[in-house]
Amino acid sequence: MPGAEPFFYPGNDVGCLLIHGFTASAQEVHGLGRYLASQGLTVRGLLLPGHGTHPDDMLNADWRMWYAAVRIGYEDLRRRCDQVFAMGLSERPL
């Protein structure tokens, strides 16, 4: 899906890992990522497995895959940065 791709903005030694919500993709947090990068921070926006493609792809994804993707993103930022902050967005049905 165009615009759903993960993203990375290199910056200083403070990293921000942006994690989108259950019904979304990296596009959901891209605006925040651009803003944080404009402030000099290093930013990685994830695309969780099963997201950003076709809804049927969610059938083959589970929390373990999402956790692994977050862990990999965190470890990558940790190698580059002295501090890493994880930021997430989650929708809650009404």
Protein backbone atom coordinates (compact mmCIF):
# COMPACT_ATOMS: atom_id res chain seq x y z
CA MET A 1 0.00 0.00 0.00
CA PRO A 2 1.63 3.29 -1.04
CA GLY A 3 2.61 5.37 1.97
CA ALA A 4 2.49 2.43 4.37
CA GLU A 5 6.22 1.75 4.17
CA PRO A 6 8.45 1.79 7.24
CA PHE A 7 10.76 4.81 7.49
CA PHE A 8 14.03 5.91 9.05
CA TYR A 9 15.42 9.38 9.67
CA PRO A 10 18.99 9.54 11.01
CA GLY A 11 19.68 12.20 13.59
CA ASN A 12 21.36 12.63 16.96
CA ASP A 13 21.96 10.07 19.72
CA VAL A 14 18.33 10.09 20.92
CA GLY A 15 16.19 7.53 19.11
CA CYS A 16 12.43 7.30 18.76
CA LEU A 17 10.75 4.06 17.77
CA LEU A 18 7.28 4.76 16.39
CA ILE A 19 4.76 1.91 16.46
CA HIS A 20 1.46 2.21 14.63
CA GLY A 21 -1.91 0.92 15.81
CA PHE A 22 -3.70 -2.33 15.06
CA THR A 23 -5.77 -1.08 12.12
CA ALA A 24 -3.08 1.09 10.56
CA SER A 25 0.41 1.24 9.06
CA ALA A 26 3.55 3.34 9.39
CA GLN A 27 1.68 6.09 7.56
CA GLU A 28 -0.27 6.72 10.77
CA VAL A 29 2.87 7.88 12.61
CA HIS A 30 4.80 9.38 9.69
CA GLY A 31 3.83 12.97 10.49
CA LEU A 32 5.10 12.59 14.05
CA GLY A 33 8.25 10.97 12.69
CA ARG A 34 8.95 13.89 10.37
CA TYR A 35 8.42 16.35 13.22
CA LEU A 36 10.75 14.48 15.60
CA ALA A 37 13.38 14.23 12.87
CA SER A 38 13.11 17.97 12.24
CA GLN A 39 14.05 18.42 15.91
CA GLY A 40 17.24 16.39 15.33
CA LEU A 41 16.14 13.03 16.73
CA THR A 42 16.81 9.68 15.10
CA VAL A 43 13.47 8.13 14.14
CA ARG A 44 12.39 4.68 12.98
CA GLY A 45 8.77 4.06 12.02
CA LEU A 46 7.80 0.40 11.90
CA LEU A 47 5.45 -1.48 9.65
CA LEU A 48 4.19 -4.40 11.70
CA PRO A 49 3.82 -7.79 9.96
CA GLY A 50 0.44 -8.22 8.27
CA HIS A 51 -0.22 -4.48 8.11
CA GLY A 52 -0.11 -2.06 5.19
CA THR A 53 -0.90 -4.66 2.54
CA HIS A 54 -4.17 -6.58 2.25
CA PRO A 55 -6.50 -7.32 5.20
CA ASP A 56 -6.13 -11.07 4.57
CA ASP A 57 -2.44 -10.76 5.48
CA MET A 58 -3.51 -10.19 9.09
CA LEU A 59 -4.65 -13.82 9.19
CA ASN A 60 -1.00 -14.92 9.16
CA ALA A 61 0.27 -12.42 11.72
CA ASP A 62 0.11 -12.52 15.50
CA TRP A 63 1.42 -10.68 18.54
CA ARG A 64 4.66 -12.66 18.54
CA MET A 65 5.54 -11.38 15.08
CA TRP A 66 4.64 -7.82 16.08
CA TYR A 67 6.71 -8.10 19.25
CA ALA A 68 9.68 -9.41 17.25
CA ALA A 69 9.41 -6.49 14.80
CA VAL A 70 9.36 -4.00 17.68
CA ARG A 71 12.31 -5.72 19.31
CA ILE A 72 14.36 -5.62 16.08
CA GLY A 73 13.52 -1.94 15.58
CA TYR A 74 14.48 -1.16 19.17
CA GLU A 75 17.77 -3.05 18.96
CA ASP A 76 18.66 -1.26 15.72
CA LEU A 77 18.06 2.13 17.34
CA ARG A 78 19.92 1.07 20.48
CA ARG A 79 23.03 0.35 18.41
CA ARG A 80 22.83 3.86 16.94
CA CYS A 81 21.61 5.89 19.93
CA ASP A 82 22.42 6.40 23.61
CA GLN A 83 18.72 6.65 24.51
CA VAL A 84 15.68 5.11 22.83
CA PHE A 85 12.05 6.03 23.42
CA ALA A 86 9.25 3.78 22.19
CA MET A 87 6.08 5.57 21.15
CA GLY A 88 2.94 3.80 20.15
CA LEU A 89 -0.58 4.44 19.06
CA SER A 90 -3.44 2.07 19.70
CA GLU A 91 -7.07 2.44 18.75
CA ARG A 92 -9.69 1.41 21.23
CA PRO A 93 -13.13 0.57 19.88
CA LEU A 94 -15.98 2.48 21.44
